[in-house]
């Protein structure tokens, strides 16, 4: 088993430097920090978490709240979180709100009762967001919290955000640049924050090209295949788009299949673009063009910011850019 001395030798620094860095008592240059982290990974060093927790009066545990534990989007974000937490010797407790704001409050309270060192709250806000209540009560100040993909205007929230608006705007822009002029959208759950942010980017792009929205041009798919299929069918019959953007890849696949079932050619008659870059996006025929949102990376950045908070640093919120993954559906 590797020791602290082994890590310091490989990183080329003193043992005391590594020890004080891991305890959060020392801030080092990025180059030194990178060498220490690389040495920890190379040697598979695992600090004595029990002794460290007693010394620092911490549990060595982080709480995670996700909207749905079965959703692969959140699972991939959590995989990025784990990658960073394991480097620092932290374990985690994961809870799921099941998209219920009252249950979400219960998850937060349960994690506090378990005395987790910090909390990572993942996912979009719903109407009646409970975090506002927690801030008013000072609960978040007692338990350091980082939000991943929950958009707030208040600067006191520490967040890692995917540029959802920029992603949908980029997708719409790609369609418009290739001569598509009737670009419709299948959105998610009305009132859900992620739905609103993505739709805002889509509308911003169309307005920038002087295109006015028509009635029925945007239809909710509620993040489900069947509802998205029906929404796409409505659009294709009544709005007759030449491109459909979708709030996620599942909705895009539903739109693509609906178009093919109606005898349309993709992409000749209709372009389809998803969001999320899921594994299934490459398995459709034609392959689905989608917006990559770097889910695991967002998890890594959120976890690192929480670690930084726990070590007395002052991290700032971050926006993660998206990119378009081109396949045969456009």
Protein backbone atom coordinates (compact mmCIF):
# COMPACT_ATOMS: atom_id res chain seq x y z
CA UNK A 1 0.00 0.00 0.00
CA UNK A 2 1.34 3.41 -0.97
CA UNK A 3 2.21 5.94 1.71
CA UNK A 4 2.27 9.70 1.94
CA UNK A 5 6.05 9.48 1.61
CA UNK A 6 5.70 7.63 -1.72
CA UNK A 7 3.37 10.35 -3.04
CA UNK A 8 5.73 13.13 -2.02
CA UNK A 9 8.70 11.38 -3.66
CA UNK A 10 6.87 10.88 -6.96
CA UNK A 11 5.50 14.43 -6.95
CA UNK A 12 8.91 15.87 -6.06
CA UNK A 13 7.72 17.79 -2.97
CA UNK A 14 8.09 17.47 0.79
CA UNK A 15 5.87 15.08 2.76
CA UNK A 16 4.62 18.04 4.78
CA UNK A 17 3.57 19.80 1.56
CA UNK A 18 1.42 16.83 0.49
CA UNK A 19 -0.02 16.42 3.98
CA UNK A 20 -0.93 20.08 4.37
CA UNK A 21 -2.33 20.21 0.83
CA UNK A 22 -4.61 17.21 1.46
CA UNK A 23 -5.75 18.69 4.76
CA UNK A 24 -6.68 21.96 3.08
CA UNK A 25 -4.19 23.96 5.12
CA UNK A 26 -1.94 24.80 2.19
CA UNK A 27 -2.63 26.34 -1.20
CA UNK A 28 -0.04 25.36 -3.80
CA UNK A 29 0.65 26.42 -7.35
CA UNK A 30 -1.41 24.66 -10.01
CA UNK A 31 1.67 22.92 -11.39
CA UNK A 32 2.45 21.48 -7.94
CA UNK A 33 -1.19 20.56 -7.38
CA UNK A 34 -1.28 18.70 -10.70
CA UNK A 35 1.87 16.75 -9.76
CA UNK A 36 0.41 15.76 -6.40
CA UNK A 37 -2.89 14.64 -7.97
CA UNK A 38 -1.06 12.67 -10.66
CA UNK A 39 1.11 10.96 -8.04
CA UNK A 40 -2.01 10.06 -6.01
CA UNK A 41 -3.60 8.51 -9.09
CA UNK A 42 -0.47 6.71 -10.24
CA UNK A 43 0.16 5.17 -6.83
CA UNK A 44 -3.53 4.61 -6.07
CA UNK A 45 -2.89 6.34 -2.75
CA UNK A 46 -5.73 6.15 -0.24
CA UNK A 47 -5.37 8.37 2.83
CA UNK A 48 -6.53 7.08 6.19
CA UNK A 49 -10.00 8.56 5.94
CA UNK A 50 -10.97 7.74 9.54
CA UNK A 51 -7.96 9.48 11.03
CA UNK A 52 -8.36 12.39 8.64
CA UNK A 53 -12.04 12.76 9.50
CA UNK A 54 -11.33 12.79 13.25
CA UNK A 55 -8.56 15.33 12.82
CA UNK A 56 -10.60 17.65 10.60
CA UNK A 57 -13.92 16.99 12.39
CA UNK A 58 -15.44 15.75 9.16
CA UNK A 59 -17.22 12.57 8.08
CA UNK A 60 -15.38 12.23 4.75
CA UNK A 61 -18.78 11.90 3.08
CA UNK A 62 -20.55 14.02 0.46
CA UNK A 63 -24.29 13.94 -0.21
CA UNK A 64 -25.69 13.89 -3.74
CA UNK A 65 -29.27 14.70 -4.73
CA UNK A 66 -30.47 13.73 -8.22
CA UNK A 67 -33.97 14.08 -9.69
CA UNK A 68 -34.04 10.45 -10.86
CA UNK A 69 -31.41 7.79 -10.18
CA UNK A 70 -32.46 5.74 -13.24
CA UNK A 71 -31.85 8.58 -15.70
CA UNK A 72 -28.56 7.95 -17.57
CA UNK A 73 -27.89 11.70 -17.82
CA UNK A 74 -27.64 12.01 -14.04
CA UNK A 75 -25.77 8.71 -13.76
CA UNK A 76 -23.07 10.08 -16.07
CA UNK A 77 -22.80 13.30 -14.07
CA UNK A 78 -22.42 11.26 -10.88
CA UNK A 79 -19.68 9.18 -12.52
CA UNK A 80 -17.70 12.39 -12.98
CA UNK A 81 -18.39 13.37 -9.37
CA UNK A 82 -17.10 10.03 -8.11
CA UNK A 83 -13.92 10.31 -10.13
CA UNK A 84 -12.93 13.45 -8.23
CA UNK A 85 -14.24 12.46 -4.80
CA UNK A 86 -12.29 9.20 -4.89
CA UNK A 87 -9.06 11.12 -5.57
CA UNK A 88 -9.59 12.97 -2.30
CA UNK A 89 -10.69 9.94 -0.27
CA UNK A 90 -14.36 10.95 -0.02
CA UNK A 91 -17.32 8.59 -0.11
CA UNK A 92 -20.80 9.71 -1.12
CA UNK A 93 -24.43 9.08 -0.26
CA UNK A 94 -26.83 9.42 -3.18
CA UNK A 95 -30.50 10.28 -2.82
CA UNK A 96 -33.22 10.86 -5.44
CA UNK A 97 -36.06 13.36 -5.27
CA UNK A 98 -38.08 11.57 -8.00
CA UNK A 99 -38.87 15.06 -9.33
CA UNK A 100 -40.88 15.92 -6.24
CA UNK A 101 -39.98 19.18 -4.51
CA UNK A 102 -41.19 18.00 -1.08
CA UNK A 103 -39.14 14.82 -1.37
CA UNK A 104 -36.18 16.93 -2.44
CA UNK A 105 -36.44 18.87 0.80
CA UNK A 106 -36.53 15.58 2.70
CA UNK A 107 -33.38 14.42 0.87
CA UNK A 108 -31.58 17.60 1.88
CA UNK A 109 -32.65 17.25 5.52
CA UNK A 110 -31.67 13.57 5.66
CA UNK A 111 -28.21 14.33 4.30
CA UNK A 112 -27.76 17.06 6.88
CA UNK A 113 -28.81 14.64 9.63
CA UNK A 114 -26.09 12.27 8.44
CA UNK A 115 -23.66 15.16 8.85
CA UNK A 116 -22.27 15.03 5.33
CA UNK A 117 -19.44 17.48 4.75
CA UNK A 118 -21.13 18.98 1.70
CA UNK A 119 -23.91 18.46 -0.84
CA UNK A 120 -24.02 18.33 -4.64
CA UNK A 121 -27.53 19.09 -5.92
CA UNK A 122 -27.95 17.98 -9.53
CA UNK A 123 -30.73 18.82 -11.92
CA UNK A 124 -33.18 21.51 -12.92
CA UNK A 125 -35.44 23.50 -10.63
CA UNK A 126 -39.20 23.06 -10.59
CA UNK A 127 -41.88 25.58 -9.60
CA UNK A 128 -41.75 26.14 -5.84
CA UNK A 129 -38.00 25.49 -5.62
CA UNK A 130 -37.15 24.51 -2.04
CA UNK A 131 -33.56 25.74 -2.16
CA UNK A 132 -34.88 29.28 -1.78
CA UNK A 133 -36.33 28.20 1.57
CA UNK A 134 -33.06 26.56 2.62
CA UNK A 135 -31.10 29.70 1.84
CA UNK A 136 -33.55 31.81 3.84
CA UNK A 137 -33.10 29.45 6.79
CA UNK A 138 -29.32 29.50 6.47
CA UNK A 139 -29.17 25.73 5.87
CA UNK A 140 -26.88 25.97 2.86
CA UNK A 141 -24.43 28.10 4.80
CA UNK A 142 -24.21 25.30 7.39
CA UNK A 143 -23.69 22.61 4.75
CA UNK A 144 -21.58 23.72 1.75
CA UNK A 145 -23.63 23.09 -1.39
CA UNK A 146 -22.78 23.16 -5.09
CA UNK A 147 -25.50 23.08 -7.75
CA UNK A 148 -25.02 21.36 -11.10
CA UNK A 149 -27.37 22.59 -13.85
CA UNK A 150 -29.67 24.54 -11.60
CA UNK A 151 -29.91 28.13 -12.78
CA UNK A 152 -30.18 30.98 -10.28
CA UNK A 153 -29.76 34.73 -10.62
CA UNK A 154 -28.38 35.11 -7.10
CA UNK A 155 -24.57 35.26 -6.98
CA UNK A 156 -24.38 33.48 -3.61
CA UNK A 157 -25.19 30.13 -5.24
CA UNK A 158 -22.13 28.18 -6.36
CA UNK A 159 -23.00 26.46 -9.64
CA UNK A 160 -21.66 24.47 -12.58
CA UNK A 161 -23.98 25.06 -15.50
CA UNK A 162 -24.28 23.57 -18.96
CA UNK A 163 -24.87 26.28 -21.56
CA UNK A 164 -28.30 24.91 -22.45
CA UNK A 165 -29.43 28.12 -24.16
CA UNK A 166 -26.25 28.32 -26.21
CA UNK A 167 -26.60 24.66 -27.19
CA UNK A 168 -30.11 24.99 -28.61
CA UNK A 169 -29.17 28.27 -30.26
CA UNK A 170 -26.19 26.56 -31.91
CA UNK A 171 -28.40 23.73 -33.16
CA UNK A 172 -30.99 26.14 -34.58
CA UNK A 173 -28.25 28.23 -36.17
CA UNK A 174 -26.85 25.17 -37.93
CA UNK A 175 -30.26 24.42 -39.45
CA UNK A 176 -30.84 28.01 -40.55
CA UNK A 177 -27.42 28.28 -42.16
CA UNK A 178 -28.32 25.28 -44.32
CA UNK A 179 -31.50 26.83 -45.64
CA UNK A 180 -34.03 25.47 -43.15
CA UNK A 181 -36.60 28.12 -42.33
CA UNK A 182 -39.40 26.29 -40.51
CA UNK A 183 -37.54 25.13 -37.42
CA UNK A 184 -39.84 23.69 -34.73
CA UNK A 185 -39.06 22.39 -31.25
CA UNK A 186 -40.19 19.53 -29.01
CA UNK A 187 -39.57 20.72 -25.46
CA UNK A 188 -39.73 19.04 -22.05
CA UNK A 189 -41.94 19.58 -19.01
CA UNK A 190 -43.61 23.03 -19.04
CA UNK A 191 -42.44 25.09 -16.09
CA UNK A 192 -39.25 23.07 -15.61
CA UNK A 193 -36.20 25.29 -15.58
CA UNK A 194 -34.20 23.26 -18.12
CA UNK A 195 -37.11 23.36 -20.56
CA UNK A 196 -37.36 27.14 -20.29
CA UNK A 197 -33.61 27.75 -20.67
CA UNK A 198 -33.30 25.56 -23.79
CA UNK A 199 -36.40 27.09 -25.35
CA UNK A 200 -35.02 30.56 -24.64
CA UNK A 201 -31.89 29.79 -26.65
CA UNK A 202 -33.99 28.48 -29.54
CA UNK A 203 -36.22 31.56 -29.60
CA UNK A 204 -33.20 33.86 -29.34
CA UNK A 205 -31.66 32.32 -32.43
CA UNK A 206 -34.82 32.60 -34.51
CA UNK A 207 -35.33 36.21 -33.43
CA UNK A 208 -31.75 36.98 -34.44
CA UNK A 209 -32.64 35.86 -37.97
CA UNK A 210 -35.81 37.96 -38.04
CA UNK A 211 -38.09 34.90 -37.86
CA UNK A 212 -41.34 35.32 -35.93
CA UNK A 213 -42.76 32.45 -33.90
CA UNK A 214 -46.01 30.92 -35.12
CA UNK A 215 -48.74 29.30 -32.97
CA UNK A 216 -47.97 25.66 -32.27
CA UNK A 217 -44.33 25.91 -33.33
CA UNK A 218 -43.18 24.64 -29.92
CA UNK A 219 -44.76 21.50 -28.44
CA UNK A 220 -44.05 19.83 -25.06
CA UNK A 221 -42.86 16.24 -25.05
CA UNK A 222 -42.54 15.93 -21.24
CA UNK A 223 -39.19 14.07 -21.58
CA UNK A 224 -41.07 10.89 -22.55
CA UNK A 225 -40.97 8.96 -25.82
CA UNK A 226 -44.73 8.61 -26.36
CA UNK A 227 -45.53 12.26 -25.65
CA UNK A 228 -42.61 13.41 -27.80
CA UNK A 229 -43.80 11.18 -30.67
CA UNK A 230 -47.27 12.75 -30.44
CA UNK A 231 -45.79 16.26 -30.24
CA UNK A 232 -43.70 15.60 -33.36
CA UNK A 233 -46.77 14.25 -35.17
CA UNK A 234 -48.70 17.39 -34.32
CA UNK A 235 -45.87 19.57 -35.63
CA UNK A 236 -45.46 17.59 -38.84
CA UNK A 237 -49.17 17.72 -39.65
CA UNK A 238 -50.00 21.29 -38.69
CA UNK A 239 -46.80 23.33 -38.70
CA UNK A 240 -44.98 21.32 -41.40
CA UNK A 241 -41.42 22.09 -40.26
CA UNK A 242 -38.28 21.36 -42.22
CA UNK A 243 -36.30 20.90 -38.97
CA UNK A 244 -37.13 19.77 -35.44
CA UNK A 245 -34.97 20.47 -32.41
CA UNK A 246 -35.60 18.33 -29.34
CA UNK A 247 -35.01 18.96 -25.65
CA UNK A 248 -33.10 15.66 -25.34
CA UNK A 249 -32.07 12.68 -27.45
CA UNK A 250 -35.08 10.58 -26.44
CA UNK A 251 -37.47 13.25 -27.76
CA UNK A 252 -35.36 13.58 -30.92
CA UNK A 253 -35.47 9.83 -31.57
CA UNK A 254 -39.25 9.95 -31.15
CA UNK A 255 -39.45 12.81 -33.67
CA UNK A 256 -37.18 10.98 -36.11
CA UNK A 257 -39.24 7.78 -35.93
CA UNK A 258 -42.50 9.72 -36.26
CA UNK A 259 -41.21 11.41 -39.43
CA UNK A 260 -40.10 8.09 -40.94
CA UNK A 261 -43.45 6.48 -40.05
CA UNK A 262 -45.18 9.33 -41.92
CA UNK A 263 -43.12 8.61 -45.03
CA UNK A 264 -40.77 11.59 -44.71
CA UNK A 265 -37.08 11.38 -45.53
CA UNK A 266 -34.52 12.38 -42.93
CA UNK A 267 -32.62 14.61 -43.54
CA UNK A 268 -33.90 15.42 -47.05
CA UNK A 269 -37.41 16.44 -45.92
CA UNK A 270 -36.72 17.00 -42.24
CA UNK A 271 -33.63 17.65 -40.13
CA UNK A 272 -33.67 16.36 -36.54
CA UNK A 273 -31.30 17.39 -33.74
CA UNK A 274 -31.26 16.09 -30.16
CA UNK A 275 -29.57 17.23 -26.98
CA UNK A 276 -27.33 15.31 -24.58
CA UNK A 277 -25.19 13.04 -26.77
CA UNK A 278 -26.53 9.79 -25.33
CA UNK A 279 -25.20 6.39 -26.40
CA UNK A 280 -28.41 5.68 -28.33
CA UNK A 281 -27.91 8.76 -30.55
CA UNK A 282 -25.40 6.88 -32.70
CA UNK A 283 -27.65 3.82 -33.05
CA UNK A 284 -30.52 5.41 -34.97
CA UNK A 285 -30.83 5.29 -38.75
CA UNK A 286 -29.81 7.82 -39.84
CA UNK A 287 -27.51 8.61 -36.92
CA UNK A 288 -28.81 11.40 -34.71
CA UNK A 289 -27.08 14.77 -34.68
CA UNK A 290 -27.02 15.97 -31.08
CA UNK A 291 -25.63 18.58 -28.71
CA UNK A 292 -22.82 17.33 -26.49
CA UNK A 293 -23.20 18.69 -22.95
CA UNK A 294 -20.14 17.04 -21.33
CA UNK A 295 -22.05 15.45 -18.45
CA UNK A 296 -19.16 13.69 -16.71
CA UNK A 297 -17.03 16.82 -16.94
CA UNK A 298 -19.79 18.85 -15.26
CA UNK A 299 -19.78 16.31 -12.44
CA UNK A 300 -16.02 16.58 -12.10
CA UNK A 301 -16.11 20.37 -11.97
CA UNK A 302 -18.95 20.39 -9.44
CA UNK A 303 -17.13 17.93 -7.18
CA UNK A 304 -13.88 19.88 -7.43
CA UNK A 305 -15.63 23.12 -6.47
CA UNK A 306 -17.18 21.42 -3.44
CA UNK A 307 -13.77 20.06 -2.40
CA UNK A 308 -12.34 23.54 -2.82
CA UNK A 309 -15.08 24.94 -0.57
CA UNK A 310 -14.34 22.33 2.08
CA UNK A 311 -10.65 23.21 1.92
CA UNK A 312 -11.31 26.88 2.56
CA UNK A 313 -10.85 28.09 -1.01
CA UNK A 314 -13.20 30.45 -2.82
CA UNK A 315 -14.28 28.83 -6.09
CA UNK A 316 -16.56 30.63 -8.52
CA UNK A 317 -19.47 29.46 -10.65
CA UNK A 318 -18.70 28.07 -14.10
CA UNK A 319 -20.51 27.70 -17.43
CA UNK A 320 -19.61 24.62 -19.50
CA UNK A 321 -19.83 25.11 -23.25
CA UNK A 322 -21.61 22.66 -25.55
CA UNK A 323 -20.73 21.44 -29.03
CA UNK A 324 -22.67 19.99 -31.96
CA UNK A 325 -22.00 16.33 -32.81
CA UNK A 326 -22.90 15.94 -36.48
CA UNK A 327 -24.43 12.77 -37.86
CA UNK A 328 -26.81 11.87 -40.68
CA UNK A 329 -30.04 13.41 -39.36
CA UNK A 330 -29.22 16.93 -40.65
